[in-house]
Protein backbone atom coordinates (compact mmCIF):
# COMPACT_ATOMS: atom_id res chain seq x y z
CA MET A 1 -25.03 -29.47 13.11
CA LYS A 2 -28.57 -27.02 12.94
CA THR A 3 -30.41 -27.04 16.47
CA PRO A 4 -33.83 -25.95 14.89
CA ILE A 5 -36.42 -26.90 18.02
CA TYR A 6 -33.79 -24.94 20.29
CA ASP A 7 -33.08 -21.91 17.91
CA PHE A 8 -36.96 -21.75 17.63
CA VAL A 9 -37.63 -21.57 21.21
CA GLN A 10 -34.91 -18.84 21.78
CA SER A 11 -36.15 -17.26 18.77
CA TYR A 12 -39.34 -17.22 20.61
CA ILE A 13 -38.24 -16.25 23.57
CA GLN A 14 -36.50 -12.93 22.11
CA SER A 15 -39.56 -11.71 20.88
CA HIS A 16 -41.54 -10.82 23.85
CA THR A 17 -45.13 -12.18 22.58
CA ALA A 18 -47.41 -11.59 24.77
CA ARG A 19 -48.48 -15.39 25.95
CA PHE A 20 -52.14 -16.06 25.57
CA HIS A 21 -51.19 -19.59 25.52
CA MET A 22 -50.46 -22.94 27.77
CA PRO A 23 -48.27 -23.19 30.31
CA GLY A 24 -50.31 -21.50 32.95
CA HIS A 25 -46.39 -19.93 34.32
CA LYS A 26 -46.55 -17.72 31.07
CA GLY A 27 -42.82 -17.72 30.92
CA LYS A 28 -42.07 -16.18 33.99
CA PRO A 29 -39.65 -17.67 36.09
CA HIS A 30 -40.38 -19.57 39.22
CA LEU A 31 -38.12 -22.82 38.87
CA GLY A 32 -35.63 -20.48 36.44
CA CYS A 33 -36.27 -22.54 33.45
CA GLU A 34 -40.04 -21.35 32.50
CA ALA A 35 -39.25 -19.02 29.56
CA GLY A 36 -38.21 -22.08 27.42
CA ASP A 37 -40.83 -24.21 28.43
CA ILE A 38 -43.87 -23.76 25.88
CA THR A 39 -46.61 -25.83 24.31
CA GLU A 40 -47.07 -26.60 20.31
CA ILE A 41 -47.52 -23.17 19.02
CA ASP A 42 -47.66 -22.05 15.86
CA GLY A 43 -44.26 -23.05 14.25
CA ALA A 44 -43.25 -25.31 17.09
CA ASP A 45 -44.04 -28.21 14.97
CA VAL A 46 -46.33 -31.42 17.01
CA LEU A 47 -44.26 -34.22 17.92
CA TYR A 48 -46.65 -36.93 17.29
CA SER A 49 -47.32 -35.53 13.53
CA ALA A 50 -43.93 -33.68 12.85
CA CYS A 51 -43.33 -32.21 9.65
CA GLY A 52 -41.25 -29.20 10.73
CA ILE A 53 -38.85 -28.61 13.06
CA ILE A 54 -38.89 -31.35 15.48
CA ASP A 55 -38.90 -33.78 12.40
CA GLU A 56 -36.04 -31.86 11.22
CA SER A 57 -34.06 -32.29 14.52
CA GLU A 58 -35.11 -35.98 14.43
CA ARG A 59 -33.87 -36.52 11.12
CA ASN A 60 -30.55 -35.34 12.48
CA ALA A 61 -30.48 -37.54 15.12
CA SER A 62 -31.40 -40.57 12.59
CA ASP A 63 -28.53 -39.65 10.63
CA LEU A 64 -26.35 -39.63 13.77
CA PHE A 65 -27.29 -43.14 14.91
CA HIS A 66 -27.87 -44.42 11.38
CA THR A 67 -31.44 -45.49 11.50
CA ALA A 68 -34.51 -45.43 9.07
CA HIS A 69 -35.76 -42.84 11.40
CA THR A 70 -35.09 -41.71 15.21
CA PHE A 71 -38.44 -40.93 17.17
CA TYR A 72 -38.31 -38.47 20.20
CA SER A 73 -39.80 -39.76 23.50
CA THR A 74 -40.39 -36.87 26.23
CA GLU A 75 -41.44 -39.92 28.46
CA GLY A 76 -38.45 -41.85 28.14
CA SER A 77 -37.94 -45.45 27.09
CA SER A 78 -40.54 -46.78 28.70
CA LEU A 79 -42.91 -44.88 26.01
CA ALA A 80 -40.77 -46.31 23.25
CA ILE A 81 -41.33 -49.92 24.51
CA ARG A 82 -44.37 -49.46 24.72
CA ALA A 83 -44.62 -48.28 21.32
CA MET A 84 -42.26 -50.62 20.00
CA LEU A 85 -44.60 -53.68 21.18
CA ALA A 86 -47.64 -51.71 19.57
CA LEU A 87 -45.73 -51.54 16.07
CA VAL A 88 -45.52 -55.54 16.36
CA ARG A 89 -49.11 -56.22 17.63
CA GLU A 90 -49.96 -54.31 14.74
CA GLN A 91 -47.85 -56.27 12.10
CA SER A 92 -49.02 -59.25 13.59
CA ALA A 93 -51.60 -61.95 12.13
CA ASP A 94 -52.30 -63.11 15.47
CA ASP A 95 -54.99 -61.78 17.61
CA ARG A 96 -52.94 -62.18 20.50
CA PRO A 97 -49.35 -61.98 19.18
CA LEU A 98 -46.54 -64.00 21.17
CA ILE A 99 -42.88 -62.31 22.48
CA LEU A 100 -40.04 -64.44 23.44
CA ALA A 101 -38.44 -62.22 26.25
CA ALA A 102 -35.20 -62.41 28.41
CA ARG A 103 -36.71 -62.72 32.13
CA ASN A 104 -34.70 -59.79 33.08
CA ALA A 105 -37.16 -57.21 31.45
CA HIS A 106 -38.24 -53.86 32.83
CA LYS A 107 -42.01 -53.55 34.39
CA ALA A 108 -42.70 -51.03 31.77
CA PHE A 109 -42.52 -53.97 29.22
CA VAL A 110 -44.85 -56.03 31.50
CA TYR A 111 -47.55 -53.35 31.39
CA GLY A 112 -47.27 -52.57 27.72
CA CYS A 113 -48.21 -56.19 26.99
CA ALA A 114 -50.70 -56.29 29.48
CA LEU A 115 -52.50 -52.99 27.47
CA LEU A 116 -51.86 -54.29 24.51
CA ASP A 117 -52.98 -57.61 25.33
CA LEU A 118 -50.12 -59.62 24.13
CA ARG A 119 -48.50 -63.01 25.36
CA VAL A 120 -45.19 -63.37 26.43
CA GLU A 121 -43.16 -66.77 26.86
CA TRP A 122 -40.08 -65.91 28.93
CA LEU A 123 -36.16 -66.79 28.17
CA TYR A 124 -34.40 -67.85 31.15
CA PRO A 125 -30.67 -67.65 31.24
CA GLN A 126 -28.42 -70.73 31.91
CA GLN A 127 -26.72 -69.26 34.71
CA SER A 128 -28.11 -66.17 36.89
CA HIS A 129 -26.39 -63.98 39.30
CA HIS A 130 -28.96 -61.50 39.83
CA VAL A 131 -32.37 -60.70 39.51
CA CYS A 132 -30.83 -58.00 36.55
CA ASP A 133 -29.12 -60.89 34.89
CA ALA A 134 -30.73 -62.84 32.04
CA THR A 135 -28.08 -62.59 29.48
CA ILE A 136 -29.00 -64.84 26.44
CA THR A 137 -27.01 -66.63 24.06
CA PRO A 138 -27.49 -67.11 20.20
CA SER A 139 -27.69 -71.00 20.69
CA GLN A 140 -29.95 -70.67 23.20
CA LEU A 141 -31.85 -68.60 21.25
CA GLN A 142 -31.63 -70.37 18.36
CA LYS A 143 -32.91 -73.72 20.44
CA ARG A 144 -35.51 -72.24 22.00
CA LEU A 145 -36.88 -70.77 18.00
CA ALA A 146 -35.85 -74.34 16.71
CA GLU A 147 -38.38 -76.19 19.49
CA GLN A 148 -41.55 -73.26 19.21
CA LYS A 149 -44.59 -74.81 17.82
CA GLU A 150 -45.72 -71.29 17.64
CA LYS A 151 -43.58 -68.46 15.65
CA PRO A 152 -43.25 -65.54 17.92
CA SER A 153 -43.97 -62.21 16.29
CA ALA A 154 -41.11 -60.81 18.23
CA VAL A 155 -37.98 -61.38 20.57
CA TYR A 156 -36.99 -58.94 23.25
CA VAL A 157 -34.12 -58.41 24.89
CA THR A 158 -32.54 -55.81 27.34
CA SER A 159 -28.92 -54.93 26.87
CA PRO A 160 -26.83 -53.66 28.63
CA ASP A 161 -28.79 -54.64 31.88
CA TYR A 162 -28.48 -52.62 35.20
CA LEU A 163 -25.43 -54.21 36.37
CA GLY A 164 -23.96 -53.63 32.68
CA ASN A 165 -23.94 -57.06 31.02
CA ILE A 166 -24.06 -56.59 27.20
CA SER A 167 -25.73 -59.11 25.22
CA ASP A 168 -24.06 -60.48 21.71
CA ILE A 169 -26.94 -58.82 19.81
CA ALA A 170 -25.42 -59.67 16.43
CA GLY A 171 -25.37 -63.03 17.34
CA LEU A 172 -29.02 -62.72 18.40
CA SER A 173 -29.68 -60.69 15.62
CA ALA A 174 -28.89 -63.06 12.71
CA VAL A 175 -30.55 -66.18 14.68
CA CYS A 176 -33.78 -63.86 14.41
CA ASP A 177 -33.12 -63.16 10.70
CA ALA A 178 -32.37 -67.01 10.07
CA TYR A 179 -36.26 -67.34 11.72
CA GLY A 180 -37.61 -64.02 10.24
CA VAL A 181 -38.52 -62.66 13.43
CA PRO A 182 -37.74 -59.13 14.15
CA LEU A 183 -35.56 -58.34 17.41
CA LEU A 184 -36.44 -55.64 20.14
CA VAL A 185 -33.57 -54.53 22.24
CA ASP A 186 -34.40 -52.30 25.36
CA ASN A 187 -31.18 -50.37 25.21
CA ALA A 188 -32.06 -47.60 27.60
CA HIS A 189 -28.49 -47.60 29.26
CA GLY A 190 -26.56 -47.63 25.86
CA ALA A 191 -27.40 -44.57 24.07
CA TYR A 192 -23.67 -43.63 23.95
CA LEU A 193 -22.70 -47.25 22.40
CA GLY A 194 -22.88 -46.63 18.75
CA PHE A 195 -20.12 -43.63 19.43
CA LEU A 196 -17.50 -46.26 20.47
CA GLU A 197 -15.11 -48.04 17.93
CA PRO A 198 -16.34 -50.01 17.14
CA SER A 199 -19.81 -49.39 17.76
CA LEU A 200 -21.78 -51.28 19.68
CA HIS A 201 -24.97 -50.07 19.67
CA PRO A 202 -27.88 -52.50 18.87
CA ILE A 203 -29.03 -50.52 15.39
CA THR A 204 -25.36 -51.30 14.52
CA LEU A 205 -25.22 -54.98 15.27
CA GLY A 206 -28.80 -55.66 13.75
CA ALA A 207 -31.68 -54.80 16.29
CA THR A 208 -35.15 -54.26 14.19
CA LEU A 209 -36.34 -51.62 16.86
CA CYS A 210 -34.31 -50.19 19.67
CA CYS A 211 -35.16 -47.71 22.77
CA ASP A 212 -32.41 -45.42 23.93
CA SER A 213 -32.87 -42.97 27.30
CA ALA A 214 -30.89 -40.55 26.46
CA HIS A 215 -30.88 -39.20 29.49
CA LYS A 216 -29.21 -41.85 31.24
CA THR A 217 -25.57 -41.41 29.61
CA LEU A 218 -25.89 -38.42 27.02
CA PRO A 219 -26.79 -34.39 28.28
CA VAL A 220 -30.27 -34.72 28.18
CA LEU A 221 -32.97 -33.60 30.44
CA THR A 222 -34.56 -36.57 32.76
CA GLY A 223 -37.40 -37.72 30.33
CA GLY A 224 -35.43 -37.56 26.73
CA ALA A 225 -35.41 -40.87 24.92
CA TYR A 226 -35.14 -42.06 21.23
CA LEU A 227 -37.41 -44.76 19.39
CA HIS A 228 -35.11 -45.91 16.58
CA VAL A 229 -36.53 -47.79 13.78
CA SER A 230 -33.20 -49.89 11.93
CA SER A 231 -33.13 -49.64 8.23
CA LYS A 232 -33.35 -53.32 7.48
CA ALA A 233 -36.74 -53.00 9.54
CA PRO A 234 -40.23 -53.07 7.22
CA LYS A 235 -41.14 -49.14 6.24
CA VAL A 236 -44.41 -49.66 7.92
CA TYR A 237 -42.55 -49.36 11.25
CA ALA A 238 -41.21 -46.11 10.76
CA GLU A 239 -44.61 -45.17 8.82
CA ASN A 240 -46.51 -45.77 11.62
CA ALA A 241 -44.07 -45.23 14.95
CA ARG A 242 -45.64 -41.54 15.36
CA LYS A 243 -49.18 -43.46 15.94
CA ALA A 244 -47.74 -46.09 17.99
CA LEU A 245 -46.27 -43.33 20.17
CA SER A 246 -49.24 -41.21 20.60
CA LEU A 247 -51.14 -44.23 21.44
CA PHE A 248 -49.80 -43.94 24.61
CA ALA A 249 -48.18 -40.62 25.40
CA SER A 250 -48.91 -37.19 26.78
CA THR A 251 -50.29 -34.87 24.09
CA SER A 252 -48.49 -32.44 25.98
CA PRO A 253 -44.57 -33.05 25.71
CA SER A 254 -42.07 -31.29 27.49
CA TYR A 255 -40.43 -28.68 25.02
CA LEU A 256 -37.55 -28.53 27.49
CA ILE A 257 -36.96 -31.93 26.87
CA LEU A 258 -37.16 -31.99 23.15
CA GLN A 259 -34.83 -28.69 23.53
CA SER A 260 -32.16 -31.06 25.20
CA LEU A 261 -32.99 -33.77 22.50
CA ASP A 262 -32.10 -31.29 19.82
CA LEU A 263 -28.74 -30.03 21.53
CA CYS A 264 -27.52 -33.06 22.32
CA ASN A 265 -27.39 -33.59 18.46
CA ALA A 266 -25.07 -31.02 17.97
CA TYR A 267 -23.21 -32.09 21.10
CA ILE A 268 -22.63 -35.69 19.35
CA ALA A 269 -21.78 -34.00 16.33
CA ASP A 270 -18.94 -31.84 17.65
CA GLY A 271 -16.24 -34.47 19.13
CA TYR A 272 -18.34 -36.17 21.47
CA LYS A 273 -16.51 -39.53 20.14
CA ALA A 274 -13.26 -37.50 21.49
CA ARG A 275 -14.72 -36.98 24.70
CA LEU A 276 -16.04 -40.26 25.02
CA THR A 277 -12.95 -42.42 24.33
CA ASP A 278 -11.34 -40.16 27.03
CA CYS A 279 -14.19 -40.80 29.77
CA VAL A 280 -13.98 -44.74 28.84
CA GLN A 281 -10.46 -44.50 29.86
CA ARG A 282 -10.68 -42.51 33.22
CA VAL A 283 -13.50 -45.33 34.12
CA SER A 284 -11.22 -48.06 33.34
CA ASP A 285 -8.31 -46.28 35.23
CA ALA A 286 -10.84 -46.12 37.83
CA LYS A 287 -11.65 -49.92 38.17
CA THR A 288 -8.06 -50.57 37.73
CA HIS A 289 -7.32 -48.39 40.88
CA LEU A 290 -10.29 -49.82 42.71
CA GLN A 291 -8.86 -53.46 42.10
CA LYS A 292 -5.79 -52.53 43.21
CA ARG A 293 -7.29 -51.59 46.70
CA GLY A 294 -8.74 -54.87 46.85
CA PHE A 295 -12.03 -54.18 45.37
CA HIS A 296 -13.69 -56.89 43.15
CA THR A 297 -15.12 -54.80 39.83
CA ILE A 298 -17.34 -56.43 37.27
CA ASN A 299 -16.29 -56.41 33.44
CA GLY A 300 -18.98 -55.15 31.62
CA GLU A 301 -20.32 -51.89 29.29
CA PRO A 302 -17.33 -49.39 29.73
CA LEU A 303 -19.14 -46.09 31.48
CA LYS A 304 -20.06 -48.53 34.46
CA ILE A 305 -18.26 -49.31 37.28
CA VAL A 306 -19.73 -52.29 39.21
CA ILE A 307 -18.56 -53.32 42.21
CA ASP A 308 -19.29 -56.52 43.90
CA ALA A 309 -19.31 -55.77 47.20
CA LYS A 310 -19.71 -58.94 49.10
CA LYS A 311 -16.39 -60.12 47.92
CA SER A 312 -14.79 -56.94 49.56
CA GLY A 313 -16.24 -57.50 52.99
CA TYR A 314 -19.26 -55.36 52.42
CA THR A 315 -23.11 -55.64 51.28
CA GLY A 316 -23.49 -53.16 48.52
CA THR A 317 -26.14 -50.54 50.63
CA GLU A 318 -23.33 -50.41 53.06
CA LEU A 319 -20.14 -49.77 50.46
CA ALA A 320 -22.63 -47.10 48.87
CA SER A 321 -23.29 -45.71 52.61
CA ALA A 322 -19.94 -45.70 52.81
CA LEU A 323 -19.21 -43.55 49.83
CA LYS A 324 -22.24 -41.26 50.22
CA SER A 325 -20.74 -39.77 53.33
CA GLN A 326 -17.41 -38.82 51.61
CA GLY A 327 -20.09 -37.00 48.93
CA ILE A 328 -20.17 -39.79 46.53
CA GLU A 329 -23.83 -40.35 45.41
CA CYS A 330 -24.33 -44.37 43.87
CA GLU A 331 -26.57 -44.79 40.78
CA PHE A 332 -27.70 -48.10 42.57
CA SER A 333 -26.91 -49.94 45.22
CA ASP A 334 -28.39 -53.60 46.65
CA PRO A 335 -27.15 -56.42 48.77
CA ASP A 336 -24.59 -57.36 46.58
CA PHE A 337 -23.58 -54.83 44.13
CA VAL A 338 -22.89 -51.08 43.97
CA VAL A 339 -23.29 -49.28 40.56
CA LEU A 340 -21.76 -45.92 39.51
CA MET A 341 -22.68 -44.85 36.20
CA ALA A 342 -20.05 -42.02 34.36
CA THR A 343 -20.45 -39.81 30.99
CA PRO A 344 -17.73 -37.20 29.59
CA GLU A 345 -20.02 -34.55 31.69
CA ASN A 346 -17.99 -36.19 34.80
CA ASP A 347 -15.10 -33.66 35.39
CA PRO A 348 -11.95 -35.91 35.80
CA SER A 349 -11.87 -34.18 39.78
CA ASP A 350 -15.22 -36.85 40.10
CA PHE A 351 -12.95 -39.55 39.08
CA ASP A 352 -10.29 -38.38 41.50
CA ARG A 353 -12.84 -38.01 44.22
CA LEU A 354 -14.23 -41.49 43.79
CA LYS A 355 -10.45 -42.94 44.34
CA THR A 356 -9.70 -41.18 47.43
CA ALA A 357 -13.38 -42.33 48.59
CA PHE A 358 -12.31 -45.70 48.26
CA ASP A 359 -8.72 -45.23 49.47
CA ALA A 360 -10.77 -44.42 52.83
CA ILE A 361 -12.45 -47.51 52.72
CA GLU A 362 -10.40 -50.83 53.86
CA PRO A 363 -11.23 -53.91 51.89
CA ARG A 364 -12.43 -56.67 54.63
CA MET A 365 -12.83 -60.57 54.32
CA PRO A 366 -15.30 -61.74 51.44
CA ILE A 367 -18.97 -61.96 52.74
CA SER A 368 -20.05 -65.62 52.07
CA SER A 369 -23.95 -65.56 50.32
CA GLU A 370 -25.80 -67.43 48.05
CA LEU A 371 -27.82 -65.15 45.59
CA PRO A 372 -31.36 -66.08 44.75
CA ALA A 373 -31.65 -67.18 41.42
CA LEU A 374 -34.28 -66.61 38.65
CA THR A 375 -36.52 -69.44 39.01
CA ALA A 376 -39.03 -70.37 36.59
CA ALA A 377 -43.33 -70.02 37.64
CA ASP A 378 -46.31 -71.62 36.63
CA LEU A 379 -48.33 -68.93 34.41
CA VAL A 380 -51.89 -69.80 36.12
CA LEU A 381 -53.94 -66.39 34.95
CA ASP A 382 -53.48 -64.27 31.75
CA LEU A 383 -51.02 -61.39 32.10
CA ARG A 384 -53.13 -58.75 30.74
CA GLN A 385 -56.02 -59.80 33.43
CA ALA A 386 -53.80 -60.32 36.14
CA VAL A 387 -52.53 -56.51 35.71
CA LEU A 388 -55.94 -55.05 35.07
CA GLY A 389 -58.17 -57.27 37.44
CA ARG A 390 -58.71 -56.45 41.09
CA SER A 391 -55.80 -56.64 43.45
CA GLU A 392 -54.87 -56.57 47.06
CA MET A 393 -51.06 -55.75 48.92
CA VAL A 394 -50.55 -58.83 51.02
CA ALA A 395 -47.36 -59.30 53.22
CA LEU A 396 -45.17 -61.79 51.64
CA ASP A 397 -45.62 -64.34 54.20
CA ASP A 398 -49.40 -64.52 53.35
CA ALA A 399 -48.48 -64.55 49.13
CA VAL A 400 -47.25 -67.98 48.74
CA GLY A 401 -49.85 -69.69 46.63
CA ARG A 402 -51.40 -66.67 45.43
CA ILE A 403 -51.07 -64.96 42.24
CA CYS A 404 -49.04 -61.94 41.11
CA ALA A 405 -51.00 -59.01 40.21
CA ALA A 406 -48.87 -56.12 39.90
CA PRO A 407 -44.94 -56.60 39.93
CA THR A 408 -43.58 -55.37 43.15
CA VAL A 409 -40.05 -53.70 41.76
CA ALA A 410 -37.41 -51.32 42.87
CA CYS A 411 -37.21 -48.48 40.52
CA PRO A 412 -34.07 -48.85 39.63
CA PRO A 413 -33.73 -51.60 38.31
CA ALA A 414 -37.51 -51.98 37.84
CA VAL A 415 -37.08 -55.70 37.42
CA PRO A 416 -39.54 -58.10 38.56
CA VAL A 417 -38.86 -61.39 40.75
CA VAL A 418 -42.42 -62.77 39.77
CA ILE A 419 -44.45 -61.59 36.91
CA SER A 420 -48.27 -60.82 36.86
CA GLY A 421 -50.41 -63.72 36.47
CA GLU A 422 -47.47 -66.46 38.03
CA ARG A 423 -48.24 -68.18 41.26
CA ILE A 424 -46.09 -67.35 43.80
CA THR A 425 -43.72 -69.58 45.13
CA GLU A 426 -41.74 -69.85 48.07
CA ALA A 427 -38.55 -69.22 45.97
CA HIS A 428 -40.01 -66.10 45.07
CA THR A 429 -41.34 -64.62 48.53
CA LYS A 430 -37.16 -65.95 49.57
CA ALA A 431 -36.17 -63.53 46.23
CA MET A 432 -38.27 -60.39 47.32
CA LYS A 433 -37.11 -60.74 51.25
CA TYR A 434 -33.63 -60.90 49.84
CA TYR A 435 -34.07 -57.55 47.86
CA GLY A 436 -35.82 -55.96 50.99
CA TYR A 437 -39.35 -56.19 49.80
CA GLU A 438 -41.97 -57.16 52.85
CA SER A 439 -45.05 -57.38 50.68
CA ILE A 440 -46.85 -57.53 47.04
CA ASN A 441 -49.58 -57.42 45.00
CA VAL A 442 -51.67 -59.96 44.53
CA VAL A 443 -54.84 -60.93 42.64
CA LYS A 444 -58.27 -60.84 44.97
CA GLU A 445 -59.87 -63.61 45.67
CA ARG A 446 -63.44 -63.94 45.28
């Protein structure tokens, strides 16, 4: 597969052109990557009005992901999320469109809704085991849509979530289609899902719009992401996507990130499915090894190893610290879970090291504790007003009864316990303390 962006930049480097243009490093090595760090010079195309090499590269990605068009983001899925919301807003007949969203939404969704003045009604799971876990079933969604007095402009879900839970996107999509509502999916952790057999990618399974953080599971520099527009989506979505992206994006996109997205197309086209299959097997073997050792892993997406630490007698942070002392760096840990993410770029020796590290940790008696559940809250102030209005930081003990302004999150996973505009309850502060928070941003009282 051709790599037009990368090839152009390499040709430019080899031309030894005198760089009387940005950036200021002029291609001289300080970090070592500067020679390939260019700006939108003649021939390099322009990301948010692409008609040259960037558009060609995006079309290559579109073929790989089987989309009407796949657009590049150099500012992560956060930018793509905001663009999805902008596209929905533009097509809605309502001045303040309503979005039905699963409660485990990333803060980028919350802030995007605030900036675009969208209303949100939250979908809560029947059972929740973690702030990240808010999986909605098709039957729940069907019931909710049937009961809605107002038809929403979109349904928004996060799948996979940070703990690897995958929603029934095909089922959710069928429900949305029956009600004439587009399905938007935050697939930040699942760029690779389309290359499994069978494909589990949201676009394949019927999503209208979808974002992937390419850098999370593919060999792409941090910040590289995709906005996918499905073939079933109204044509206006693909026609207006660049405008929606540019509404929030920097006018100076990273050409280092663009090159890595471009090269990733060739990487995927050249035997990636076989490498992915091998990696999935190594992850499965590692999970089996851990289970035999007495550690409890959670079923979910095939490139994550999620350990229920307390069932093995540790807190997640204790277990992550023990692994770190043996040269294993985890993706995420909290009081309950440890998350490790693998890709085909992990050497087989990495998995051997992981097994050896766990062999040196003795499982203990389970720790009994009750996780704080996701609890519904009263919305007492418009989300936009809460996010953009005057605010102050207060200790959690002083926050009960106050109105949440900017939601307090950890990144990862950046999922709020309480959302902007909601009244903070004791249950909320208890949950936030459980996850290690000490303060929260609240609306300033006059």
